[in-house]
Protein backbone atom coordinates (compact mmCIF):
# COMPACT_ATOMS: atom_id res chain seq x y z
CA LEU A 1 269.53 114.19 -134.08
CA PRO A 2 266.20 115.60 -132.87
CA LYS A 3 264.79 112.07 -132.55
CA LEU A 4 267.92 110.89 -130.73
CA PHE A 5 267.72 113.87 -128.40
CA MET A 6 264.03 113.20 -127.62
CA HIS A 7 264.81 109.53 -127.01
CA LEU A 8 267.64 110.36 -124.60
CA LYS A 9 265.45 112.94 -122.87
CA SER A 10 262.67 110.37 -122.43
CA GLN A 11 265.10 107.82 -121.03
CA LEU A 12 266.56 110.39 -118.64
CA ILE A 13 263.11 111.30 -117.33
CA GLU A 14 262.23 107.62 -116.86
CA PHE A 15 265.52 107.06 -115.02
CA VAL A 16 264.92 110.02 -112.68
CA LEU A 17 261.38 108.84 -111.93
CA PHE A 18 262.69 105.32 -111.27
CA ILE A 19 265.31 106.69 -108.85
CA CYS A 20 262.65 108.72 -107.01
CA ALA A 21 260.32 105.72 -106.73
CA SER A 22 263.17 103.46 -105.62
CA PHE A 23 264.23 106.02 -103.02
CA SER A 24 260.73 106.00 -101.51
CA VAL A 25 260.73 102.19 -101.33
CA VAL A 26 264.22 102.13 -99.79
CA ILE A 27 263.21 104.66 -97.14
CA LEU A 28 260.18 102.55 -96.23
CA LEU A 29 262.29 99.39 -95.99
CA LEU A 30 264.93 101.14 -93.87
CA MET A 31 262.23 102.38 -91.50
CA LEU A 32 260.83 98.87 -91.20
CA LEU A 33 264.29 97.37 -90.59
CA PHE A 34 265.03 100.00 -87.94
CA VAL A 35 261.78 99.31 -86.08
CA VAL A 36 262.36 95.53 -86.30
CA LYS A 37 265.93 95.92 -85.01
CA GLU A 38 264.93 98.11 -82.08
CA GLY A 39 261.98 95.89 -81.17
CA SER A 40 263.84 92.58 -81.47
CA LEU A 41 264.93 92.59 -77.80
CA ALA A 42 261.33 92.80 -76.61
CA PHE A 43 260.19 89.97 -78.85
CA ALA A 44 263.18 87.85 -77.78
CA ARG A 45 262.65 88.48 -74.05
CA LEU A 46 258.87 88.71 -73.91
CA GLY A 47 257.67 86.68 -76.90
CA VAL A 48 253.90 86.52 -77.20
CA GLN A 49 253.57 88.22 -73.81
CA LEU A 50 254.16 91.51 -75.60
CA ILE A 51 250.90 90.86 -77.43
CA LEU A 52 248.90 88.77 -74.94
CA GLY A 53 250.22 90.01 -71.60
CA LYS A 54 247.59 91.80 -69.52
CA ARG A 55 249.78 94.14 -67.45
CA TRP A 56 251.74 97.12 -68.70
CA GLU A 57 253.70 98.43 -65.72
CA THR A 58 257.06 100.00 -66.55
CA ASN A 59 258.09 100.24 -62.89
CA SER A 60 257.80 96.45 -62.56
CA ASP A 61 259.23 95.63 -66.00
CA LEU A 62 255.88 94.20 -67.07
CA TYR A 63 255.18 94.87 -70.72
CA GLY A 64 251.97 93.15 -71.68
CA GLY A 65 250.48 94.96 -74.65
CA PHE A 66 247.01 93.42 -74.66
CA PRO A 67 245.28 96.26 -72.72
CA LEU A 68 246.90 98.80 -75.03
CA MET A 69 245.91 97.03 -78.24
CA TYR A 70 242.45 96.44 -76.85
CA GLY A 71 242.18 100.16 -76.10
CA SER A 72 243.20 101.00 -79.67
CA LEU A 73 240.73 98.52 -81.13
CA MET A 74 238.00 99.80 -78.84
CA VAL A 75 238.30 103.48 -79.75
CA VAL A 76 238.77 102.75 -83.47
CA SER A 77 235.75 100.42 -83.54
CA GLY A 78 233.64 103.05 -81.81
CA ALA A 79 234.86 105.70 -84.24
CA LEU A 80 233.99 103.55 -87.26
CA LEU A 81 230.53 102.75 -85.88
CA ILE A 82 229.88 106.48 -85.92
CA SER A 83 231.80 107.67 -88.96
CA VAL A 84 230.98 104.89 -91.46
CA PRO A 85 227.16 105.33 -91.56
CA LEU A 86 227.49 109.10 -91.35
CA GLY A 87 230.22 109.24 -93.98
CA ILE A 88 228.51 106.94 -96.48
CA CYS A 89 225.17 108.73 -96.10
CA THR A 90 226.94 112.06 -96.56
CA SER A 91 228.72 110.85 -99.70
CA ILE A 92 225.43 109.57 -101.16
CA PHE A 93 223.73 112.89 -100.39
CA ILE A 94 226.54 114.91 -102.00
CA ALA A 95 226.89 112.74 -105.11
CA GLU A 96 223.23 111.94 -105.81
CA VAL A 97 220.93 114.41 -104.05
CA LEU A 98 222.71 117.74 -103.58
CA PRO A 99 222.40 120.23 -106.48
CA PHE A 100 225.49 120.14 -108.69
CA GLN A 101 226.52 123.73 -107.97
CA LEU A 102 226.67 123.03 -104.23
CA ARG A 103 228.70 119.82 -104.38
CA ASP A 104 232.18 121.31 -104.65
CA PRO A 105 231.68 123.84 -101.80
CA ILE A 106 230.36 121.13 -99.48
CA LYS A 107 233.21 118.79 -100.45
CA SER A 108 235.69 121.57 -99.69
CA VAL A 109 234.23 122.09 -96.24
CA ILE A 110 234.45 118.37 -95.45
CA GLU A 111 237.99 118.13 -96.82
CA LEU A 112 238.92 121.06 -94.61
CA LEU A 113 238.37 118.80 -91.61
CA ALA A 114 241.33 116.70 -92.75
CA SER A 115 243.65 119.72 -92.75
CA ILE A 116 242.94 120.71 -89.14
CA PRO A 117 245.88 119.73 -86.87
CA SER A 118 245.09 116.82 -84.59
CA VAL A 119 246.09 118.84 -81.53
CA ILE A 120 243.16 121.17 -82.26
CA TYR A 121 240.79 118.19 -82.19
CA GLY A 122 242.38 117.13 -78.92
CA PHE A 123 241.98 120.62 -77.51
CA ILE A 124 238.29 120.67 -78.45
CA GLY A 125 237.90 117.24 -76.88
CA VAL A 126 239.54 118.30 -73.61
CA THR A 127 237.79 121.66 -73.24
CA PHE A 128 234.34 120.88 -74.63
CA LEU A 129 233.56 117.24 -75.34
CA ALA A 130 235.10 115.63 -72.23
CA PRO A 131 233.31 117.97 -69.76
CA LEU A 132 230.06 117.46 -71.70
CA ILE A 133 230.34 113.66 -71.46
CA ALA A 134 231.33 113.83 -67.79
CA SER A 135 228.32 116.02 -67.01
CA PHE A 136 225.87 113.97 -69.10
CA PHE A 137 226.87 110.58 -67.66
CA GLY A 138 227.76 111.77 -64.16
CA LEU A 139 231.46 110.87 -64.40
CA HIS A 140 234.41 112.31 -62.49
CA SER A 141 236.34 112.63 -65.73
CA GLY A 142 235.22 112.81 -69.33
CA ALA A 143 238.49 111.34 -70.64
CA THR A 144 237.02 108.05 -71.82
CA ALA A 145 237.01 105.64 -74.75
CA LEU A 146 233.76 107.27 -75.91
CA THR A 147 235.39 110.70 -76.04
CA ALA A 148 238.30 109.35 -78.07
CA SER A 149 235.91 107.51 -80.40
CA LEU A 150 233.89 110.66 -81.08
CA ILE A 151 237.02 112.68 -81.86
CA LEU A 152 238.40 109.94 -84.13
CA ALA A 153 235.04 109.64 -85.88
CA ILE A 154 235.22 113.30 -86.89
CA MET A 155 238.84 112.90 -88.01
CA ALA A 156 238.08 109.81 -90.12
CA LEU A 157 235.01 111.36 -91.74
CA PRO A 158 236.80 113.21 -94.60
CA THR A 159 238.56 110.01 -95.69
CA ILE A 160 235.36 107.97 -95.75
CA VAL A 161 233.32 110.69 -97.48
CA GLY A 162 236.04 111.35 -100.05
CA VAL A 163 236.67 107.75 -101.13
CA SER A 164 232.98 106.75 -101.03
CA GLY A 165 232.00 109.86 -102.96
CA GLU A 166 234.54 109.19 -105.71
CA THR A 167 233.29 105.61 -106.02
CA ILE A 168 229.65 106.68 -106.25
CA SER A 169 230.53 109.32 -108.85
CA ALA A 170 232.33 106.65 -110.89
CA VAL A 171 229.13 104.63 -111.39
CA PRO A 172 228.23 104.98 -115.11
CA SER A 173 225.38 107.43 -115.60
CA GLU A 174 223.86 105.07 -118.19
CA TYR A 175 222.98 102.63 -115.40
CA LYS A 176 221.14 105.28 -113.42
CA GLU A 177 219.39 106.66 -116.48
CA ALA A 178 218.26 103.18 -117.48
CA ALA A 179 216.82 102.57 -114.01
CA LEU A 180 214.95 105.88 -114.05
CA ALA A 181 213.67 105.16 -117.57
CA LEU A 182 212.23 101.85 -116.33
CA GLY A 183 210.19 103.71 -113.73
CA ALA A 184 212.44 103.40 -110.68
CA SER A 185 212.34 106.24 -108.20
CA LYS A 186 215.44 108.19 -107.18
CA TRP A 187 215.76 106.19 -103.96
CA GLN A 188 215.22 102.86 -105.75
CA THR A 189 217.98 103.80 -108.20
CA ILE A 190 220.37 104.66 -105.38
CA ARG A 191 219.53 101.54 -103.38
CA ASN A 192 219.45 99.00 -106.21
CA VAL A 193 221.91 100.44 -108.73
CA VAL A 194 224.35 102.90 -107.16
CA LEU A 195 225.02 101.14 -103.86
CA PRO A 196 225.64 97.63 -105.27
CA LEU A 197 228.11 99.06 -107.79
CA SER A 198 229.86 101.12 -105.09
CA LYS A 199 230.35 98.42 -102.47
CA SER A 200 234.03 97.87 -103.17
CA GLY A 201 234.88 101.56 -102.88
CA MET A 202 232.84 101.92 -99.71
CA LEU A 203 234.67 98.97 -98.18
CA ALA A 204 237.95 100.61 -99.15
CA SER A 205 236.84 103.87 -97.52
CA VAL A 206 236.10 102.01 -94.28
CA MET A 207 239.54 100.40 -94.31
CA LEU A 208 241.26 103.69 -95.05
CA GLY A 209 239.26 105.29 -92.25
CA PHE A 210 240.44 102.49 -89.97
CA GLY A 211 244.04 103.18 -90.96
CA ARG A 212 243.55 106.90 -90.35
CA ALA A 213 242.01 106.37 -86.94
CA ILE A 214 244.33 103.68 -85.57
CA GLY A 215 247.43 105.76 -86.30
CA GLU A 216 246.18 108.93 -84.63
CA THR A 217 248.23 109.97 -81.60
CA VAL A 218 247.93 113.48 -80.19
CA ALA A 219 244.15 113.81 -80.05
CA VAL A 220 243.77 110.32 -78.55
CA LEU A 221 246.50 111.01 -76.01
CA MET A 222 244.62 114.09 -74.80
CA VAL A 223 241.15 112.56 -74.39
CA ALA A 224 241.40 108.77 -73.89
CA GLY A 225 242.23 108.81 -70.17
CA ASN A 226 245.49 106.84 -70.45
CA VAL A 227 244.79 103.95 -68.08
CA ALA A 228 246.50 100.72 -69.17
CA MET A 229 243.68 98.36 -68.22
CA VAL A 230 240.93 96.55 -70.09
CA PRO A 231 237.67 98.27 -69.06
CA THR A 232 235.25 96.44 -66.78
CA PRO A 233 233.06 95.26 -68.42
CA PRO A 234 235.13 95.10 -71.63
CA TRP A 235 232.50 97.02 -73.64
CA ASN A 236 232.35 99.93 -71.18
CA TYR A 237 233.00 102.99 -73.35
CA LEU A 238 232.74 105.28 -70.32
CA ALA A 239 236.03 103.95 -68.93
CA PRO A 240 239.47 105.39 -69.73
CA VAL A 241 241.78 103.44 -72.04
CA TYR A 242 245.41 103.71 -73.15
CA PRO A 243 245.77 103.14 -76.92
CA VAL A 244 249.08 101.99 -78.40
CA THR A 245 249.86 105.29 -80.10
CA ALA A 246 249.32 107.23 -76.88
CA VAL A 247 251.63 104.89 -74.95
CA ILE A 248 254.42 105.26 -77.50
CA ALA A 249 254.12 109.05 -77.56
CA MET A 250 253.92 109.33 -73.78
CA GLN A 251 256.69 106.95 -72.74
CA MET A 252 259.25 106.95 -75.55
CA GLY A 253 260.87 110.17 -74.35
CA GLU A 254 261.47 108.71 -70.88
CA ALA A 255 262.61 105.22 -71.93
CA ALA A 256 266.36 104.56 -71.77
CA VAL A 257 267.82 103.68 -75.16
CA GLY A 258 268.48 99.94 -75.34
CA SER A 259 266.28 99.11 -72.34
CA LEU A 260 263.49 96.54 -72.39
CA GLU A 261 260.91 99.33 -72.15
CA TYR A 262 262.46 101.07 -75.15
CA SER A 263 262.39 97.84 -77.16
CA ALA A 264 258.84 97.02 -76.05
CA LEU A 265 257.63 100.39 -77.34
CA PHE A 266 259.28 99.70 -80.68
CA GLY A 267 257.66 96.26 -80.66
CA LEU A 268 254.26 97.89 -80.28
CA GLY A 269 255.21 100.29 -83.05
CA LEU A 270 256.07 97.36 -85.31
CA ILE A 271 252.67 95.76 -84.68
CA LEU A 272 250.99 99.08 -85.47
CA PHE A 273 253.16 99.53 -88.58
CA ILE A 274 252.26 96.10 -89.95
CA THR A 275 248.56 96.58 -89.17
CA THR A 276 248.27 99.92 -90.95
CA PHE A 277 250.39 98.74 -93.88
CA VAL A 278 248.23 95.66 -94.46
CA VAL A 279 244.97 97.58 -94.11
CA ASN A 280 246.06 100.39 -96.43
CA THR A 281 247.42 97.93 -99.01
CA ILE A 282 244.15 95.99 -99.09
CA ALA A 283 242.19 99.24 -99.36
CA ASP A 284 244.41 100.40 -102.24
CA VAL A 285 243.82 97.13 -104.09
CA ILE A 286 240.07 97.47 -103.62
CA VAL A 287 240.10 101.08 -104.84
CA ARG A 288 242.03 100.11 -107.98
CA ARG A 289 239.37 97.55 -108.84
CA GLY A 290 236.83 100.34 -109.21
CA PRO A 291 233.07 99.81 -109.17
CA VAL A 292 232.05 96.18 -109.24
CA LYS A 293 230.41 95.28 -112.52
CA ARG A 294 227.44 93.19 -111.65
CA GLY A 295 223.80 92.91 -112.48
CA VAL A 296 221.32 95.07 -110.65
CA GLN A 297 217.74 94.37 -109.71
CA LEU A 298 215.08 97.01 -109.48
């Protein structure tokens, strides 16, 4: 009887866990189906114009999403250009240089950045960063793509530092000890042993940082400028932009249910959903692979 009871208990626990996991998958699928259903009108009426169209004017029923997607790509690219080098260097410093007793406190401080509400970042951007950029570059308004990129860089930093740091820490200590025993310096060991073995995790951290940044809404809405045009020239980070997430948050409340505008916003949401899902899935696969086992050269 005790063995039978333990067997039934084990099966019950497995069944409950299976139901919970299945429930999560079903919720995700229902969300996807809902977004597809609501955005189907826009794709049927607009087709590729929803992606390639260059004018987003709700008053004229023009729903070209290219300027919006370009704005999202622009601010996210700028954020990654800042946060990736800073985040990877920080993770190397914490994992390989910082004294052991200081690592956890510093990690806690960096992780604290992830717990700050995005509206606080937006508030700091509006009250401090935007006026600073406007004054420094002589602009009428500091609500620009650069401002949004700087805010997103700070917000993506904990993700990049956390994932990169875990990957660096997972490198077998025997490899580092062998390099040091052969006469390699600390920097040579980091450059020729630690970094090559951590490339996959660092790539995953970049992709997760991308997913974190591209889905951000409130902070971007407050500091990006919200002008639905491709900047002139296209690489002008001192121009205002209107990222996809900001458009959805700003206009969804005013769009009539069932209208073309309503469907177009859901269409943009579907594109964003697919993008973040693919990026996060690839990053998860890379993380599961762990450090790449390859030869190193001193």
